[in-house]
C-alpha atoms as a PDB file:
ATOM      1  CA  GLN A   1     -47.272 -33.473 -12.685  1.00  0.00           C
ATOM      2  CA  ASN A   2     -45.992 -30.162 -13.892  1.00  0.00           C
ATOM      3  CA  THR A   3     -48.377 -30.095 -16.848  1.00  0.00           C
ATOM      4  CA  TYR A   4     -51.511 -30.926 -14.315  1.00  0.00           C
ATOM      5  CA  ILE A   5     -50.630 -28.542 -12.425  1.00  0.00           C
ATOM      6  CA  GLN A   6     -49.909 -26.340 -15.545  1.00  0.00           C
ATOM      7  CA  LYS A   7     -53.532 -26.845 -16.907  1.00  0.00           C
ATOM      8  CA  ASN A   8     -54.937 -25.929 -13.835  1.00  0.00           C
ATOM      9  CA  ILE A   9     -53.436 -22.728 -13.637  1.00  0.00           C
ATOM     10  CA  CYS A  10     -54.180 -21.708 -17.113  1.00  0.00           C
ATOM     11  CA  ARG A  11     -58.145 -22.415 -15.877  1.00  0.00           C
ATOM     12  CA  LEU A  12     -58.112 -20.689 -13.115  1.00  0.00           C
ATOM     13  CA  PHE A  13     -56.531 -17.319 -14.540  1.00  0.00           C
ATOM     14  CA  ARG A  14     -58.848 -18.079 -18.163  1.00  0.00           C
ATOM     15  CA  ILE A  15     -55.185 -18.534 -19.657  1.00  0.00           C
ATOM     16  CA  ASP A  16     -55.873 -20.523 -23.043  1.00  0.00           C
ATOM     17  CA  LYS A  17     -52.696 -21.308 -23.727  1.00  0.00           C
ATOM     18  CA  SER A  18     -49.760 -23.254 -21.500  1.00  0.00           C
ATOM     19  CA  ILE A  19     -47.439 -21.449 -19.387  1.00  0.00           C
ATOM     20  CA  TYR A  20     -43.877 -22.645 -19.676  1.00  0.00           C
ATOM     21  CA  PHE A  21     -41.794 -22.670 -16.645  1.00  0.00           C
ATOM     22  CA  ARG A  22     -37.916 -20.712 -16.653  1.00  0.00           C
ATOM     23  CA  LYS A  23     -35.820 -23.613 -17.734  1.00  0.00           C
ATOM     24  CA  ASN A  24     -32.908 -21.293 -16.323  1.00  0.00           C
ATOM     25  CA  THR A  25     -32.721 -20.568 -12.520  1.00  0.00           C
ATOM     26  CA  TYR A  26     -30.410 -17.879 -11.295  1.00  0.00           C
ATOM     27  CA  MET A  27     -28.567 -18.571  -7.769  1.00  0.00           C
ATOM     28  CA  TYR A  28     -26.154 -17.844  -5.629  1.00  0.00           C
ATOM     29  CA  CYS A  29     -25.209 -21.150  -5.173  1.00  0.00           C
ATOM     30  CA  PRO A  30     -26.240 -23.478  -7.511  1.00  0.00           C
ATOM     31  CA  GLU A  31     -23.988 -26.022  -6.135  1.00  0.00           C
ATOM     32  CA  LEU A  32     -26.826 -26.254  -3.385  1.00  0.00           C
ATOM     33  CA  ALA A  33     -29.459 -27.372  -5.823  1.00  0.00           C
ATOM     34  CA  PRO A  34     -28.002 -30.197  -7.722  1.00  0.00           C
ATOM     35  CA  ASP A  35     -30.139 -31.046 -10.818  1.00  0.00           C
ATOM     36  CA  PRO A  36     -29.516 -34.691 -11.014  1.00  0.00           C
ATOM     37  CA  ASN A  37     -31.608 -35.175 -14.736  1.00  0.00           C
ATOM     38  CA  GLY A  38     -29.944 -32.261 -15.893  1.00  0.00           C
ATOM     39  CA  GLU A  39     -33.630 -30.440 -16.874  1.00  0.00           C
ATOM     40  CA  TYR A  40     -32.382 -27.173 -15.587  1.00  0.00           C
ATOM     41  CA  ILE A  41     -29.531 -24.559 -16.525  1.00  0.00           C
ATOM     42  CA  LEU A  42     -28.325 -23.330 -13.115  1.00  0.00           C
ATOM     43  CA  THR A  43     -26.792 -19.997 -13.423  1.00  0.00           C
ATOM     44  CA  LYS A  44     -24.535 -18.555 -10.764  1.00  0.00           C
ATOM     45  CA  ILE A  45     -24.880 -15.145  -9.325  1.00  0.00           C
ATOM     46  CA  PRO A  46     -21.782 -13.335  -8.424  1.00  0.00           C
ATOM     47  CA  PRO A  47     -21.382 -12.317  -4.919  1.00  0.00           C
ATOM     48  CA  VAL A  48     -22.733  -8.888  -3.640  1.00  0.00           C
ATOM     49  CA  PHE A  49     -19.955  -6.543  -4.075  1.00  0.00           C
ATOM     50  CA  ARG A  50     -20.131  -3.672  -0.837  1.00  0.00           C
ATOM     51  CA  THR A  51     -19.712  -0.578  -3.147  1.00  0.00           C
ATOM     52  CA  GLU A  52     -19.443   2.223  -0.820  1.00  0.00           C
ATOM     53  CA  TYR A  53     -22.360   3.852  -3.320  1.00  0.00           C
ATOM     54  CA  CYS A  54     -24.370   1.051  -2.538  1.00  0.00           C
ATOM     55  CA  LYS A  55     -23.698   0.786   1.055  1.00  0.00           C
ATOM     56  CA  ARG A  56     -24.471   4.314   1.240  1.00  0.00           C
ATOM     57  CA  ILE A  57     -27.886   3.984  -0.068  1.00  0.00           C
ATOM     58  CA  LEU A  58     -28.725   0.870   2.063  1.00  0.00           C
ATOM     59  CA  ASN A  59     -27.128   2.363   5.621  1.00  0.00           C
ATOM     60  CA  ARG A  60     -29.698   5.345   4.983  1.00  0.00           C
ATOM     61  CA  VAL A  61     -32.792   3.693   4.558  1.00  0.00           C
ATOM     62  CA  PHE A  62     -32.145   1.342   7.382  1.00  0.00           C
ATOM     63  CA  ALA A  63     -30.750   4.276   9.689  1.00  0.00           C
ATOM     64  CA  TRP A  64     -27.513   2.154  10.031  1.00  0.00           C
ATOM     65  CA  THR A  65     -25.008   3.513  12.192  1.00  0.00           C
ATOM     66  CA  SER A  66     -21.556   2.501  14.172  1.00  0.00           C
ATOM     67  CA  ASP A  67     -23.756   1.413  17.131  1.00  0.00           C
ATOM     68  CA  CYS A  68     -25.607  -1.548  14.846  1.00  0.00           C
ATOM     69  CA  GLU A  69     -22.577  -3.298  14.396  1.00  0.00           C
ATOM     70  CA  ILE A  70     -21.742  -6.514  15.570  1.00  0.00           C
ATOM     71  CA  SER A  71     -18.228  -6.548  16.597  1.00  0.00           C
ATOM     72  CA  GLU A  72     -18.484 -10.106  18.867  1.00  0.00           C
ATOM     73  CA  ARG A  73     -17.088 -13.123  17.747  1.00  0.00           C
ATOM     74  CA  VAL A  74     -19.603 -15.421  18.070  1.00  0.00           C
ATOM     75  CA  MET A  75     -23.157 -15.158  17.590  1.00  0.00           C
ATOM     76  CA  TYR A  76     -26.211 -17.359  18.505  1.00  0.00           C
ATOM     77  CA  PHE A  77     -29.349 -17.695  16.382  1.00  0.00           C
ATOM     78  CA  ASP A  78     -32.611 -17.584  17.919  1.00  0.00           C
ATOM     79  CA  GLN A  79     -34.891 -19.843  16.582  1.00  0.00           C
ATOM     80  CA  LEU A  80     -38.810 -19.712  17.366  1.00  0.00           C
ATOM     81  CA  LEU A  81     -38.876 -23.390  18.169  1.00  0.00           C
ATOM     82  CA  HIS A  82     -42.172 -23.414  20.245  1.00  0.00           C
ATOM     83  CA  TYR A  83     -43.644 -23.155  16.758  1.00  0.00           C
ATOM     84  CA  ARG A  84     -42.251 -26.365  16.198  1.00  0.00           C
ATOM     85  CA  VAL A  85     -44.414 -29.521  18.087  1.00  0.00           C
ATOM     86  CA  GLY A  86     -42.974 -30.341  21.360  1.00  0.00           C
ATOM     87  CA  ALA A  87     -40.242 -27.926  21.459  1.00  0.00           C
ATOM     88  CA  THR A  88     -39.962 -25.018  23.680  1.00  0.00           C
ATOM     89  CA  ASP A  89     -37.611 -22.150  24.504  1.00  0.00           C
ATOM     90  CA  ASP A  90     -36.024 -23.857  26.934  1.00  0.00           C
ATOM     91  CA  PHE A  91     -33.323 -25.717  24.587  1.00  0.00           C
ATOM     92  CA  ASN A  92     -32.582 -21.860  23.474  1.00  0.00           C
ATOM     93  CA  ARG A  93     -32.149 -20.634  27.131  1.00  0.00           C
ATOM     94  CA  LYS A  94     -30.078 -23.290  28.634  1.00  0.00           C
ATOM     95  CA  MET A  95     -27.640 -23.291  25.114  1.00  0.00           C
ATOM     96  CA  THR A  96     -27.071 -19.576  25.507  1.00  0.00           C
ATOM     97  CA  LYS A  97     -26.607 -19.959  29.149  1.00  0.00           C
ATOM     98  CA  MET A  98     -23.936 -22.960  28.125  1.00  0.00           C
ATOM     99  CA  LEU A  99     -22.454 -20.441  25.296  1.00  0.00           C
ATOM    100  CA  LYS A 100     -21.961 -17.334  28.384  1.00  0.00           C
ATOM    101  CA  VAL A 101     -20.119 -19.594  30.293  1.00  0.00           C
ATOM    102  CA  LYS A 102     -17.468 -20.240  27.572  1.00  0.00           C
ATOM    103  CA  PHE A 103     -17.491 -17.215  25.200  1.00  0.00           C
ATOM    104  CA  GLY A 104     -18.412 -14.639  27.968  1.00  0.00           C
ATOM    105  CA  HIS A 105     -18.887 -10.781  26.584  1.00  0.00           C
ATOM    106  CA  ASP A 106     -17.521 -12.384  23.273  1.00  0.00           C
ATOM    107  CA  LEU A 107     -21.121 -14.182  22.391  1.00  0.00           C
ATOM    108  CA  ILE A 108     -24.003 -12.289  21.376  1.00  0.00           C
ATOM    109  CA  VAL A 109     -27.554 -13.392  20.385  1.00  0.00           C
ATOM    110  CA  LYS A 110     -29.456 -12.837  17.315  1.00  0.00           C
ATOM    111  CA  THR A 111     -33.100 -13.114  18.071  1.00  0.00           C
ATOM    112  CA  HIS A 112     -35.674 -14.175  15.196  1.00  0.00           C
ATOM    113  CA  PRO A 113     -37.046 -10.885  13.831  1.00  0.00           C
ATOM    114  CA  ARG A 114     -40.606 -12.062  15.017  1.00  0.00           C
ATOM    115  CA  ARG A 115     -39.528 -12.685  18.263  1.00  0.00           C
ATOM    116  CA  ILE A 116     -41.382 -10.247  20.660  1.00  0.00           C
ATOM    117  CA  ASP A 117     -40.516 -11.754  24.745  1.00  0.00           C
ATOM    118  CA  ASN A 118     -36.667 -11.444  25.700  1.00  0.00           C
ATOM    119  CA  ILE A 119     -36.043 -15.169  27.057  1.00  0.00           C
ATOM    120  CA  TYR A 120     -32.300 -14.302  27.104  1.00  0.00           C
ATOM    121  CA  GLU A 121     -32.268 -10.874  29.514  1.00  0.00           C
ATOM    122  CA  GLU A 122     -32.754 -13.263  32.578  1.00  0.00           C
ATOM    123  CA  GLU A 123     -29.273 -15.254  31.740  1.00  0.00           C
ATOM    124  CA  GLY A 124     -27.516 -12.085  31.162  1.00  0.00           C
ATOM    125  CA  VAL A 125     -26.699 -12.825  27.594  1.00  0.00           C
ATOM    126  CA  ASN A 126     -25.914  -9.789  25.401  1.00  0.00           C
ATOM    127  CA  VAL A 127     -28.822  -9.589  22.800  1.00  0.00           C
ATOM    128  CA  TYR A 128     -28.661  -7.563  19.556  1.00  0.00           C
ATOM    129  CA  LYS A 129     -30.965  -4.746  20.172  1.00  0.00           C
ATOM    130  CA  TYR A 130     -31.211  -3.353  16.533  1.00  0.00           C
ATOM    131  CA  ASN A 131     -33.926  -6.340  15.045  1.00  0.00           C
ATOM    132  CA  SER A 132     -35.691  -3.156  12.262  1.00  0.00           C
ATOM    133  CA  ILE A 133     -32.391  -3.853  10.771  1.00  0.00           C
ATOM    134  CA  PRO A 134     -31.947  -7.007   8.264  1.00  0.00           C
ATOM    135  CA  PHE A 135     -29.425  -9.070   8.945  1.00  0.00           C
ATOM    136  CA  GLU A 136     -28.397  -8.599   5.265  1.00  0.00           C
ATOM    137  CA  LEU A 137     -27.402  -5.356   6.569  1.00  0.00           C
ATOM    138  CA  CYS A 138     -25.068  -6.319   8.840  1.00  0.00           C
ATOM    139  CA  CYS A 139     -23.396  -8.708   6.765  1.00  0.00           C
ATOM    140  CA  MET A 140     -22.530  -5.865   4.229  1.00  0.00           C
ATOM    141  CA  ASN A 141     -21.127  -3.828   6.912  1.00  0.00           C
ATOM    142  CA  SER A 142     -19.160  -6.385   9.070  1.00  0.00           C
ATOM    143  CA  THR A 143     -17.052  -8.958   8.360  1.00  0.00           C
ATOM    144  CA  PHE A 144     -17.924 -12.562   9.627  1.00  0.00           C
ATOM    145  CA  ASP A 145     -14.938 -14.375   8.282  1.00  0.00           C
ATOM    146  CA  GLU A 146     -13.268 -14.686  11.639  1.00  0.00           C
ATOM    147  CA  SER A 147     -16.881 -15.299  13.553  1.00  0.00           C
ATOM    148  CA  VAL A 148     -18.842 -18.461  14.813  1.00  0.00           C
ATOM    149  CA  PHE A 149     -22.430 -18.837  14.187  1.00  0.00           C
ATOM    150  CA  ILE A 150     -24.267 -21.159  16.438  1.00  0.00           C
ATOM    151  CA  THR A 151     -28.087 -22.173  15.801  1.00  0.00           C
ATOM    152  CA  ASN A 152     -30.467 -24.742  16.291  1.00  0.00           C
ATOM    153  CA  ILE A 153     -31.949 -24.398  12.239  1.00  0.00           C
ATOM    154  CA  SER A 154     -31.244 -20.681  11.549  1.00  0.00           C
ATOM    155  CA  SER A 155     -31.090 -19.988   7.683  1.00  0.00           C
ATOM    156  CA  ALA A 156     -29.895 -16.702   8.480  1.00  0.00           C
ATOM    157  CA  CYS A 157     -26.448 -18.218   9.198  1.00  0.00           C
ATOM    158  CA  PHE A 158     -25.829 -18.692   5.149  1.00  0.00           C
ATOM    159  CA  MET A 159     -26.282 -14.985   4.475  1.00  0.00           C
ATOM    160  CA  PRO A 160     -22.881 -13.863   4.595  1.00  0.00           C
ATOM    161  CA  LYS A 161     -21.751 -16.707   2.784  1.00  0.00           C
ATOM    162  CA  ILE A 162     -24.777 -17.453  -0.114  1.00  0.00           C
ATOM    163  CA  ILE A 163     -24.653 -13.337  -0.441  1.00  0.00           C
ATOM    164  CA  PHE A 164     -21.027 -11.704   0.067  1.00  0.00           C
ATOM    165  CA  GLY A 165     -18.798 -14.634   0.027  1.00  0.00           C
ATOM    166  CA  GLN A 166     -17.818 -14.544   3.476  1.00  0.00           C
ATOM    167  CA  ASP A 167     -16.858 -17.556   5.367  1.00  0.00           C
ATOM    168  CA  PRO A 168     -17.969 -17.720   8.834  1.00  0.00           C
ATOM    169  CA  LYS A 169     -17.814 -21.007  10.747  1.00  0.00           C
ATOM    170  CA  LEU A 170     -21.281 -22.904  11.276  1.00  0.00           C
ATOM    171  CA  VAL A 171     -22.009 -24.635  14.079  1.00  0.00           C
ATOM    172  CA  PHE A 172     -25.777 -26.395  13.546  1.00  0.00           C
ATOM    173  CA  LEU A 173     -27.662 -27.993  16.853  1.00  0.00           C
ATOM    174  CA  PHE A 174     -30.427 -29.349  15.465  1.00  0.00           C
ATOM    175  CA  ASN A 175     -29.589 -33.066  16.813  1.00  0.00           C
ATOM    176  CA  LEU A 176     -29.111 -31.605  19.863  1.00  0.00           C
ATOM    177  CA  GLU A 177     -32.691 -30.250  20.017  1.00  0.00           C
ATOM    178  CA  HIS A 178     -34.232 -33.726  20.226  1.00  0.00           C
ATOM    179  CA  LYS A 179     -32.439 -35.034  22.985  1.00  0.00           C
ATOM    180  CA  LYS A 180     -33.093 -31.874  25.333  1.00  0.00           C
ATOM    181  CA  ASN A 181     -34.483 -34.046  27.781  1.00  0.00           C
ATOM    182  CA  ASP A 182     -31.102 -35.816  27.992  1.00  0.00           C
ATOM    183  CA  LYS A 183     -29.637 -34.346  30.876  1.00  0.00           C
ATOM    184  CA  SER A 184     -25.998 -35.384  29.929  1.00  0.00           C
ATOM    185  CA  ILE A 185     -25.832 -32.904  26.488  1.00  0.00           C
ATOM    186  CA  TYR A 186     -25.890 -29.845  29.344  1.00  0.00           C
ATOM    187  CA  ASP A 187     -22.937 -31.388  31.476  1.00  0.00           C
END
């Protein structure tokens, strides 16, 4: 199948020699991409070091200030569930309402960057207001080793671990979302 794809790419771009795909791949966590046939060489990229020089440049580019820092211990990562068939924002609302009861002011919601509405406002939940700042910058400027990240399916929860070697506790709720009509999970 790869040969078929390679030949069609060559025809499309009028390349008269074959394309060789890289056998050596660089990854932050090669252990998460096992290669059972041993076809590829997976090389580990070391975690990004938070040097002061690097921090100064990136903080200046994205206008990071101490106000942007996340001090809450529990973070709920919003997901745009309404793009999936049968999913609504109702699950996110109910979940953050329950989390607010449990964690109070120690909870913050990190909304999805493409969300244009604030569905959490009526619940009185603290929402991270600096959405123009990449979450990777938050990870660089903060330590999340003692934090708990809760989400349905957001891959952003992996950023502190993959890029900066931090180890927050991760809680994924994707199995609960399928049971959202079961009232017992909210009790």
